[in-house]
């Protein structure tokens, strides 16, 4: 597998404001981008430390994936994301190893695939491929569009459930 770098860590939490305040004080960081993805039922905030994103995720309904994760496992690391240059090639390699995707995100500036943690020793692995204009890239350089622009961009997402795999497309 050809991984460019550790990209970001998803942390599932109950209260995004309290968690952001704690991590900002604890790590001396600032969460510079945030948004809501209604179709996925979550709020997110991201900060960058040492070139790696810390992404807080809070569910906004009792039936969404993040809320269920927190209820079942408690707050904590939900997934680890790695940046790759050729997502299709890396996904094919994971499948050849018997590791199957459970979530496929396909957006204009971002493509991500998450793999079931039962196949990776309890760690949900995510592979990400994104263009320079994506909010993660902006956050990494602490510049870019306001969260209002990002929210309008995210509002275009629609979610389909295909054979048990969540697919996000524009």
N, C-alpha and C. Protein backbone atom coordinates (compact mmCIF):
# COMPACT_ATOMS: atom_id res chain seq x y z
N UNK A 1 0.84 -1.18 0.00
CA UNK A 1 0.00 0.00 0.00
C UNK A 1 0.89 1.24 0.00
N UNK A 2 0.43 2.26 -0.72
CA UNK A 2 1.18 3.51 -0.83
C UNK A 2 0.43 4.62 -0.09
N UNK A 3 0.76 4.80 1.17
CA UNK A 3 0.15 5.83 2.00
C UNK A 3 1.06 7.05 1.98
N UNK A 4 0.48 8.23 1.71
CA UNK A 4 1.25 9.48 1.75
C UNK A 4 1.59 9.86 3.18
N UNK A 5 0.54 9.87 4.04
CA UNK A 5 0.74 10.23 5.44
C UNK A 5 -0.53 9.96 6.24
N UNK A 6 -0.37 9.94 7.55
CA UNK A 6 -1.51 9.92 8.45
C UNK A 6 -2.21 11.25 8.24
N UNK A 7 -3.50 11.23 7.91
CA UNK A 7 -4.20 12.45 7.54
C UNK A 7 -4.96 13.06 8.71
N UNK A 8 -5.87 12.28 9.28
CA UNK A 8 -6.61 12.79 10.43
C UNK A 8 -7.19 11.64 11.25
N UNK A 9 -7.54 11.99 12.48
CA UNK A 9 -8.10 11.03 13.42
C UNK A 9 -9.51 11.49 13.77
N UNK A 10 -10.49 10.60 13.61
CA UNK A 10 -11.88 10.90 13.96
C UNK A 10 -12.06 10.57 15.45
N UNK A 11 -12.60 11.51 16.20
CA UNK A 11 -12.92 11.26 17.60
C UNK A 11 -14.42 11.48 17.78
N UNK A 12 -15.13 10.42 18.12
CA UNK A 12 -16.57 10.49 18.34
C UNK A 12 -16.81 10.97 19.77
N UNK A 13 -17.65 12.00 19.91
CA UNK A 13 -17.89 12.60 21.22
C UNK A 13 -19.37 12.92 21.40
N UNK A 14 -19.74 13.19 22.66
CA UNK A 14 -21.12 13.54 22.98
C UNK A 14 -21.38 15.04 22.83
N UNK A 15 -20.41 15.85 23.23
CA UNK A 15 -20.59 17.31 23.25
C UNK A 15 -19.39 17.96 22.57
N UNK A 16 -19.60 18.44 21.35
CA UNK A 16 -18.51 18.97 20.53
C UNK A 16 -17.89 20.22 21.16
N UNK A 17 -18.70 21.06 21.83
CA UNK A 17 -18.17 22.27 22.45
C UNK A 17 -17.23 21.93 23.61
N UNK A 18 -17.68 21.02 24.49
CA UNK A 18 -16.84 20.62 25.62
C UNK A 18 -15.56 19.93 25.15
N UNK A 19 -15.69 19.05 24.16
CA UNK A 19 -14.51 18.33 23.66
C UNK A 19 -13.52 19.31 23.01
N UNK A 20 -14.02 20.24 22.20
CA UNK A 20 -13.14 21.22 21.55
C UNK A 20 -12.41 22.05 22.59
N UNK A 21 -13.14 22.50 23.60
CA UNK A 21 -12.52 23.30 24.67
C UNK A 21 -11.41 22.52 25.36
N UNK A 22 -11.69 21.26 25.69
CA UNK A 22 -10.68 20.43 26.37
C UNK A 22 -9.44 20.25 25.49
N UNK A 23 -9.63 19.82 24.23
CA UNK A 23 -8.48 19.57 23.37
C UNK A 23 -7.70 20.85 23.05
N UNK A 24 -8.39 21.97 22.94
CA UNK A 24 -7.69 23.23 22.70
C UNK A 24 -6.79 23.57 23.89
N UNK A 25 -7.32 23.43 25.11
CA UNK A 25 -6.51 23.70 26.31
C UNK A 25 -5.41 22.65 26.48
N UNK A 26 -5.77 21.39 26.31
CA UNK A 26 -4.84 20.29 26.54
C UNK A 26 -3.68 20.30 25.55
N UNK A 27 -3.98 20.52 24.26
CA UNK A 27 -2.97 20.40 23.20
C UNK A 27 -2.48 21.75 22.67
N UNK A 28 -3.09 22.84 23.11
CA UNK A 28 -2.69 24.15 22.61
C UNK A 28 -3.01 24.34 21.14
N UNK A 29 -4.14 23.80 20.70
CA UNK A 29 -4.54 23.89 19.30
C UNK A 29 -5.81 24.73 19.19
N UNK A 30 -6.19 25.06 17.96
CA UNK A 30 -7.43 25.79 17.71
C UNK A 30 -8.19 25.06 16.61
N UNK A 31 -9.45 24.74 16.86
CA UNK A 31 -10.29 24.13 15.84
C UNK A 31 -10.68 25.23 14.87
N UNK A 32 -10.18 25.12 13.64
CA UNK A 32 -10.27 26.22 12.68
C UNK A 32 -11.39 26.07 11.66
N UNK A 33 -11.95 24.90 11.51
CA UNK A 33 -13.05 24.69 10.58
C UNK A 33 -14.10 23.82 11.25
N UNK A 34 -15.36 24.06 10.89
CA UNK A 34 -16.45 23.26 11.45
C UNK A 34 -17.61 23.23 10.47
N UNK A 35 -18.51 22.31 10.70
CA UNK A 35 -19.68 22.22 9.84
C UNK A 35 -20.65 21.18 10.34
N UNK A 36 -21.75 21.07 9.61
CA UNK A 36 -22.79 20.09 9.89
C UNK A 36 -23.08 19.38 8.57
N UNK A 37 -23.15 18.05 8.63
CA UNK A 37 -23.57 17.27 7.47
C UNK A 37 -24.87 16.60 7.87
N UNK A 38 -25.97 17.25 7.54
CA UNK A 38 -27.31 16.79 7.93
C UNK A 38 -27.57 15.36 7.49
N UNK A 39 -27.21 15.03 6.26
CA UNK A 39 -27.51 13.70 5.71
C UNK A 39 -26.81 12.59 6.48
N UNK A 40 -25.69 12.90 7.10
CA UNK A 40 -24.99 11.92 7.92
C UNK A 40 -25.33 12.06 9.39
N UNK A 41 -26.07 13.11 9.72
CA UNK A 41 -26.46 13.32 11.11
C UNK A 41 -25.31 13.65 12.02
N UNK A 42 -24.38 14.51 11.55
CA UNK A 42 -23.25 14.83 12.41
C UNK A 42 -22.78 16.27 12.28
N UNK A 43 -22.17 16.72 13.39
CA UNK A 43 -21.42 17.98 13.42
C UNK A 43 -19.95 17.59 13.42
N UNK A 44 -19.10 18.43 12.84
CA UNK A 44 -17.67 18.16 12.86
C UNK A 44 -16.89 19.44 13.11
N UNK A 45 -15.72 19.30 13.71
CA UNK A 45 -14.74 20.37 13.87
C UNK A 45 -13.38 19.75 13.65
N UNK A 46 -12.49 20.52 13.02
CA UNK A 46 -11.15 19.99 12.77
C UNK A 46 -10.08 20.98 13.19
N UNK A 47 -9.01 20.44 13.74
CA UNK A 47 -7.81 21.20 14.07
C UNK A 47 -6.63 20.40 13.52
N UNK A 48 -5.56 21.10 13.25
CA UNK A 48 -4.36 20.44 12.73
C UNK A 48 -3.24 20.59 13.74
N UNK A 49 -2.59 19.47 14.03
CA UNK A 49 -1.42 19.49 14.91
C UNK A 49 -0.35 18.62 14.28
N UNK A 50 0.80 19.20 14.01
CA UNK A 50 1.89 18.46 13.38
C UNK A 50 1.51 17.91 12.02
N UNK A 51 0.65 18.60 11.29
CA UNK A 51 0.24 18.16 9.97
C UNK A 51 -0.84 17.10 9.95
N UNK A 52 -1.34 16.71 11.14
CA UNK A 52 -2.37 15.69 11.24
C UNK A 52 -3.64 16.34 11.81
N UNK A 53 -4.77 16.03 11.19
CA UNK A 53 -6.04 16.58 11.66
C UNK A 53 -6.59 15.81 12.85
N UNK A 54 -7.17 16.56 13.78
CA UNK A 54 -7.96 16.00 14.86
C UNK A 54 -9.38 16.42 14.53
N UNK A 55 -10.25 15.46 14.17
CA UNK A 55 -11.61 15.77 13.76
C UNK A 55 -12.59 15.25 14.80
N UNK A 56 -13.28 16.19 15.44
CA UNK A 56 -14.30 15.83 16.41
C UNK A 56 -15.61 15.60 15.67
N UNK A 57 -16.31 14.53 16.02
CA UNK A 57 -17.58 14.19 15.40
C UNK A 57 -18.63 14.01 16.48
N UNK A 58 -19.76 14.71 16.34
CA UNK A 58 -20.87 14.57 17.28
C UNK A 58 -22.12 14.26 16.50
N UNK A 59 -22.82 13.24 16.91
CA UNK A 59 -24.09 12.92 16.29
C UNK A 59 -25.13 13.97 16.61
N UNK A 60 -26.08 14.19 15.68
CA UNK A 60 -27.12 15.18 15.92
C UNK A 60 -28.51 14.55 16.04
N UNK A 61 -28.56 13.21 15.94
CA UNK A 61 -29.82 12.51 16.18
C UNK A 61 -29.52 11.18 16.86
N UNK A 62 -30.54 10.57 17.42
CA UNK A 62 -30.31 9.31 18.14
C UNK A 62 -30.07 8.13 17.22
N UNK A 63 -30.36 8.29 15.93
CA UNK A 63 -30.25 7.18 14.99
C UNK A 63 -29.02 7.22 14.09
N UNK A 64 -28.16 8.23 14.24
CA UNK A 64 -27.02 8.32 13.33
C UNK A 64 -25.85 7.45 13.80
N UNK A 65 -24.90 7.24 12.91
CA UNK A 65 -23.76 6.35 13.16
C UNK A 65 -22.92 6.79 14.36
N UNK A 66 -22.66 8.07 14.48
CA UNK A 66 -21.79 8.56 15.56
C UNK A 66 -22.47 8.39 16.92
N UNK A 67 -23.74 8.75 17.01
CA UNK A 67 -24.47 8.57 18.28
C UNK A 67 -24.48 7.10 18.68
N UNK A 68 -24.74 6.21 17.74
CA UNK A 68 -24.75 4.78 18.03
C UNK A 68 -23.36 4.30 18.46
N UNK A 69 -22.32 4.81 17.81
CA UNK A 69 -20.95 4.45 18.18
C UNK A 69 -20.69 4.84 19.63
N UNK A 70 -21.02 6.08 19.99
CA UNK A 70 -20.77 6.57 21.35
C UNK A 70 -21.58 5.78 22.37
N UNK A 71 -22.84 5.47 22.05
CA UNK A 71 -23.66 4.68 22.97
C UNK A 71 -23.10 3.29 23.18
N UNK A 72 -22.61 2.68 22.12
CA UNK A 72 -22.11 1.30 22.20
C UNK A 72 -20.70 1.21 22.78
N UNK A 73 -19.81 2.10 22.35
CA UNK A 73 -18.39 1.99 22.71
C UNK A 73 -17.88 3.10 23.62
N UNK A 74 -18.68 4.15 23.78
CA UNK A 74 -18.23 5.31 24.54
C UNK A 74 -17.47 6.28 23.64
N UNK A 75 -17.16 7.44 24.18
CA UNK A 75 -16.43 8.44 23.41
C UNK A 75 -15.02 7.93 23.13
N UNK A 76 -14.47 8.35 22.00
CA UNK A 76 -13.10 7.97 21.70
C UNK A 76 -12.83 7.91 20.21
N UNK A 77 -11.67 7.36 19.87
CA UNK A 77 -11.26 7.29 18.47
C UNK A 77 -12.25 6.42 17.71
N UNK A 78 -12.80 6.98 16.62
CA UNK A 78 -13.78 6.27 15.80
C UNK A 78 -13.12 5.72 14.55
N UNK A 79 -12.16 6.46 13.99
CA UNK A 79 -11.46 6.01 12.78
C UNK A 79 -10.15 6.75 12.64
N UNK A 80 -9.24 6.13 11.89
CA UNK A 80 -7.96 6.76 11.55
C UNK A 80 -7.89 6.84 10.03
N UNK A 81 -7.61 8.05 9.53
CA UNK A 81 -7.64 8.30 8.09
C UNK A 81 -6.22 8.49 7.55
N UNK A 82 -5.94 7.83 6.43
CA UNK A 82 -4.65 7.94 5.76
C UNK A 82 -4.85 8.54 4.38
N UNK A 83 -4.01 9.49 4.01
CA UNK A 83 -4.06 10.14 2.69
C UNK A 83 -3.34 9.24 1.70
N UNK A 84 -4.01 8.98 0.56
CA UNK A 84 -3.42 8.20 -0.53
C UNK A 84 -3.56 8.99 -1.82
N UNK A 85 -2.74 8.67 -2.81
CA UNK A 85 -2.83 9.38 -4.09
C UNK A 85 -3.75 8.68 -5.08
N UNK A 86 -3.90 7.36 -4.95
CA UNK A 86 -4.75 6.62 -5.87
C UNK A 86 -5.69 5.74 -5.06
N UNK A 87 -6.86 6.29 -4.73
CA UNK A 87 -7.79 5.60 -3.85
C UNK A 87 -8.26 4.27 -4.43
N UNK A 88 -8.60 4.25 -5.71
CA UNK A 88 -9.08 3.02 -6.34
C UNK A 88 -8.06 1.89 -6.22
N UNK A 89 -6.81 2.21 -6.50
CA UNK A 89 -5.74 1.21 -6.42
C UNK A 89 -5.59 0.67 -5.00
N UNK A 90 -5.64 1.56 -4.02
CA UNK A 90 -5.46 1.14 -2.63
C UNK A 90 -6.67 0.34 -2.12
N UNK A 91 -7.88 0.73 -2.55
CA UNK A 91 -9.07 -0.02 -2.17
C UNK A 91 -9.01 -1.43 -2.76
N UNK A 92 -8.60 -1.52 -4.02
CA UNK A 92 -8.45 -2.84 -4.65
C UNK A 92 -7.45 -3.70 -3.89
N UNK A 93 -6.37 -3.08 -3.43
CA UNK A 93 -5.37 -3.83 -2.66
C UNK A 93 -5.94 -4.31 -1.33
N UNK A 94 -6.71 -3.44 -0.66
CA UNK A 94 -7.33 -3.84 0.61
C UNK A 94 -8.30 -5.01 0.38
N UNK A 95 -9.10 -4.92 -0.68
CA UNK A 95 -10.05 -6.01 -0.99
C UNK A 95 -9.30 -7.31 -1.26
N UNK A 96 -8.18 -7.23 -1.96
CA UNK A 96 -7.38 -8.42 -2.25
C UNK A 96 -6.86 -9.06 -0.97
N UNK A 97 -6.73 -8.25 0.09
CA UNK A 97 -6.28 -8.75 1.38
C UNK A 97 -7.45 -9.24 2.23
N UNK A 98 -8.68 -9.16 1.68
CA UNK A 98 -9.85 -9.60 2.41
C UNK A 98 -10.42 -8.55 3.35
N UNK A 99 -10.06 -7.30 3.14
CA UNK A 99 -10.54 -6.19 3.97
C UNK A 99 -11.55 -5.40 3.13
N UNK A 100 -12.81 -5.37 3.59
CA UNK A 100 -13.89 -4.85 2.76
C UNK A 100 -14.39 -3.49 3.22
N UNK A 101 -14.69 -2.62 2.26
CA UNK A 101 -15.20 -1.28 2.58
C UNK A 101 -16.62 -1.32 3.13
N UNK A 102 -16.91 -0.38 4.04
CA UNK A 102 -18.26 -0.24 4.57
C UNK A 102 -18.85 1.13 4.28
N UNK A 103 -18.01 2.12 4.03
CA UNK A 103 -18.48 3.47 3.70
C UNK A 103 -17.67 3.99 2.53
N UNK A 104 -18.38 4.55 1.55
CA UNK A 104 -17.75 5.13 0.37
C UNK A 104 -18.25 6.57 0.22
N UNK A 105 -17.36 7.55 0.31
CA UNK A 105 -17.71 8.96 0.17
C UNK A 105 -17.11 9.45 -1.15
N UNK A 106 -17.97 9.99 -2.01
CA UNK A 106 -17.51 10.44 -3.33
C UNK A 106 -18.03 11.84 -3.58
N UNK A 107 -17.17 12.84 -3.39
CA UNK A 107 -17.53 14.25 -3.54
C UNK A 107 -16.60 14.89 -4.57
N UNK A 108 -16.93 16.11 -5.02
CA UNK A 108 -16.07 16.74 -6.03
C UNK A 108 -14.60 16.89 -5.62
N UNK A 109 -14.35 17.25 -4.36
CA UNK A 109 -12.98 17.48 -3.92
C UNK A 109 -12.44 16.41 -2.98
N UNK A 110 -13.26 15.44 -2.65
CA UNK A 110 -12.87 14.44 -1.65
C UNK A 110 -13.47 13.08 -1.97
N UNK A 111 -12.64 12.06 -1.84
CA UNK A 111 -13.10 10.67 -1.91
C UNK A 111 -12.51 9.94 -0.72
N UNK A 112 -13.37 9.22 0.00
CA UNK A 112 -12.92 8.45 1.16
C UNK A 112 -13.60 7.08 1.15
N UNK A 113 -12.88 6.11 1.65
CA UNK A 113 -13.45 4.77 1.85
C UNK A 113 -13.03 4.31 3.24
N UNK A 114 -14.03 3.85 4.01
CA UNK A 114 -13.77 3.32 5.34
C UNK A 114 -13.94 1.81 5.32
N UNK A 115 -13.13 1.13 6.11
CA UNK A 115 -13.13 -0.33 6.16
C UNK A 115 -13.58 -0.80 7.53
N UNK A 116 -14.24 -1.94 7.55
CA UNK A 116 -14.81 -2.45 8.79
C UNK A 116 -13.70 -2.79 9.79
N UNK A 117 -13.86 -2.35 11.04
CA UNK A 117 -12.82 -2.61 12.05
C UNK A 117 -12.62 -4.08 12.39
N UNK A 118 -13.60 -4.93 12.11
CA UNK A 118 -13.42 -6.36 12.41
C UNK A 118 -12.30 -6.95 11.56
N UNK A 119 -12.03 -6.33 10.40
CA UNK A 119 -10.98 -6.82 9.51
C UNK A 119 -9.60 -6.22 9.81
N UNK A 120 -9.56 -5.21 10.69
CA UNK A 120 -8.30 -4.49 10.94
C UNK A 120 -8.04 -4.35 12.44
N UNK A 121 -8.19 -5.42 13.16
CA UNK A 121 -7.88 -5.51 14.59
C UNK A 121 -8.58 -4.45 15.42
N UNK A 122 -9.85 -4.17 15.09
CA UNK A 122 -10.65 -3.24 15.88
C UNK A 122 -10.48 -1.77 15.53
N UNK A 123 -9.67 -1.46 14.54
CA UNK A 123 -9.43 -0.07 14.14
C UNK A 123 -10.14 0.19 12.81
N UNK A 124 -11.03 1.18 12.79
CA UNK A 124 -11.67 1.53 11.52
C UNK A 124 -10.69 2.38 10.73
N UNK A 125 -10.23 1.82 9.62
CA UNK A 125 -9.27 2.50 8.74
C UNK A 125 -10.05 3.24 7.66
N UNK A 126 -9.63 4.45 7.38
CA UNK A 126 -10.21 5.23 6.30
C UNK A 126 -9.07 5.65 5.37
N UNK A 127 -9.29 5.51 4.07
CA UNK A 127 -8.35 6.00 3.07
C UNK A 127 -8.99 7.22 2.43
N UNK A 128 -8.20 8.29 2.26
CA UNK A 128 -8.73 9.55 1.72
C UNK A 128 -7.88 10.03 0.56
N UNK A 129 -8.57 10.51 -0.45
CA UNK A 129 -7.92 11.15 -1.60
C UNK A 129 -8.67 12.46 -1.82
N UNK A 130 -7.97 13.59 -1.76
CA UNK A 130 -8.66 14.87 -1.94
C UNK A 130 -7.81 15.86 -2.70
N UNK A 131 -8.52 16.82 -3.28
CA UNK A 131 -7.90 17.89 -4.06
C UNK A 131 -7.50 19.03 -3.14
N UNK A 132 -6.62 19.91 -3.59
CA UNK A 132 -6.16 21.01 -2.74
C UNK A 132 -7.27 21.92 -2.20
N UNK A 133 -8.41 22.05 -2.87
CA UNK A 133 -9.48 22.92 -2.41
C UNK A 133 -10.38 22.37 -1.34
N UNK A 134 -10.17 21.12 -0.92
CA UNK A 134 -11.04 20.52 0.09
C UNK A 134 -10.79 21.17 1.45
N UNK A 135 -11.86 21.29 2.30
CA UNK A 135 -11.69 21.91 3.62
C UNK A 135 -10.59 21.31 4.48
N UNK A 136 -10.32 20.01 4.37
CA UNK A 136 -9.21 19.42 5.14
C UNK A 136 -7.89 20.04 4.70
N UNK A 137 -7.71 20.23 3.40
CA UNK A 137 -6.49 20.87 2.90
C UNK A 137 -6.42 22.32 3.36
N UNK A 138 -7.56 23.03 3.34
CA UNK A 138 -7.58 24.40 3.83
C UNK A 138 -7.22 24.46 5.30
N UNK A 139 -7.83 23.56 6.09
CA UNK A 139 -7.56 23.55 7.52
C UNK A 139 -6.09 23.26 7.80
N UNK A 140 -5.51 22.38 7.00
CA UNK A 140 -4.09 22.04 7.19
C UNK A 140 -3.20 23.25 6.98
N UNK A 141 -3.65 24.16 6.15
CA UNK A 141 -2.87 25.38 5.90
C UNK A 141 -3.48 26.59 6.60
N UNK A 142 -4.53 26.34 7.42
CA UNK A 142 -5.20 27.37 8.20
C UNK A 142 -5.66 28.54 7.35
N UNK A 143 -6.23 28.21 6.20
CA UNK A 143 -6.77 29.23 5.32
C UNK A 143 -7.95 28.64 4.58
N UNK A 144 -8.60 29.42 3.76
CA UNK A 144 -9.66 28.88 2.92
C UNK A 144 -11.00 29.48 3.19
N UNK A 145 -12.03 28.84 2.67
CA UNK A 145 -13.37 29.41 2.75
C UNK A 145 -13.90 29.41 4.18
N UNK A 146 -14.84 30.28 4.43
CA UNK A 146 -15.47 30.31 5.74
C UNK A 146 -16.32 29.06 5.92
N UNK A 147 -16.70 28.79 7.17
CA UNK A 147 -17.52 27.62 7.41
C UNK A 147 -18.88 27.76 6.73
N UNK A 148 -19.33 29.00 6.46
CA UNK A 148 -20.60 29.19 5.74
C UNK A 148 -20.49 28.64 4.33
N UNK A 149 -19.38 28.91 3.65
CA UNK A 149 -19.18 28.37 2.31
C UNK A 149 -19.09 26.86 2.36
N UNK A 150 -18.36 26.32 3.33
CA UNK A 150 -18.23 24.87 3.45
C UNK A 150 -19.59 24.23 3.72
N UNK A 151 -20.40 24.86 4.53
CA UNK A 151 -21.70 24.30 4.84
C UNK A 151 -22.57 24.25 3.60
N UNK A 152 -22.56 25.29 2.77
CA UNK A 152 -23.31 25.27 1.52
C UNK A 152 -22.80 24.15 0.62
N UNK A 153 -21.48 23.97 0.57
CA UNK A 153 -20.89 22.89 -0.22
C UNK A 153 -21.39 21.54 0.29
N UNK A 154 -21.35 21.38 1.60
CA UNK A 154 -21.78 20.11 2.20
C UNK A 154 -23.27 19.88 2.02
N UNK A 155 -24.04 20.94 1.91
CA UNK A 155 -25.49 20.80 1.77
C UNK A 155 -25.86 20.12 0.46
N UNK A 156 -24.96 20.04 -0.48
CA UNK A 156 -25.23 19.39 -1.76
C UNK A 156 -25.11 17.87 -1.67
N UNK A 157 -24.57 17.35 -0.56
CA UNK A 157 -24.37 15.92 -0.44
C UNK A 157 -25.70 15.20 -0.35
N UNK A 158 -25.77 14.03 -0.93
CA UNK A 158 -26.90 13.16 -0.68
C UNK A 158 -26.36 11.77 -0.36
N UNK A 159 -27.06 11.08 0.47
CA UNK A 159 -26.59 9.78 0.93
C UNK A 159 -27.48 8.69 0.37
N UNK A 160 -26.85 7.64 -0.12
CA UNK A 160 -27.57 6.46 -0.59
C UNK A 160 -27.06 5.28 0.22
N UNK A 161 -27.91 4.35 0.46
CA UNK A 161 -27.49 3.12 1.11
C UNK A 161 -27.56 2.02 0.07
N UNK A 162 -26.39 1.53 -0.33
CA UNK A 162 -26.31 0.52 -1.37
C UNK A 162 -25.73 -0.75 -0.77
N UNK A 163 -26.54 -1.77 -0.69
CA UNK A 163 -26.10 -3.08 -0.18
C UNK A 163 -25.37 -2.96 1.16
N UNK A 164 -25.92 -2.14 2.06
CA UNK A 164 -25.31 -2.01 3.38
C UNK A 164 -24.12 -1.09 3.43
N UNK A 165 -23.74 -0.49 2.30
CA UNK A 165 -22.62 0.43 2.27
C UNK A 165 -23.16 1.84 2.11
N UNK A 166 -22.77 2.74 3.00
CA UNK A 166 -23.20 4.11 2.87
C UNK A 166 -22.38 4.78 1.79
N UNK A 167 -23.04 5.40 0.82
CA UNK A 167 -22.34 6.09 -0.26
C UNK A 167 -22.82 7.53 -0.28
N UNK A 168 -21.88 8.45 -0.26
CA UNK A 168 -22.21 9.86 -0.33
C UNK A 168 -21.78 10.33 -1.70
N UNK A 169 -22.68 10.99 -2.41
CA UNK A 169 -22.37 11.47 -3.75
C UNK A 169 -22.98 12.84 -3.96
N UNK A 170 -22.49 13.53 -4.96
CA UNK A 170 -23.05 14.83 -5.32
C UNK A 170 -24.01 14.64 -6.47
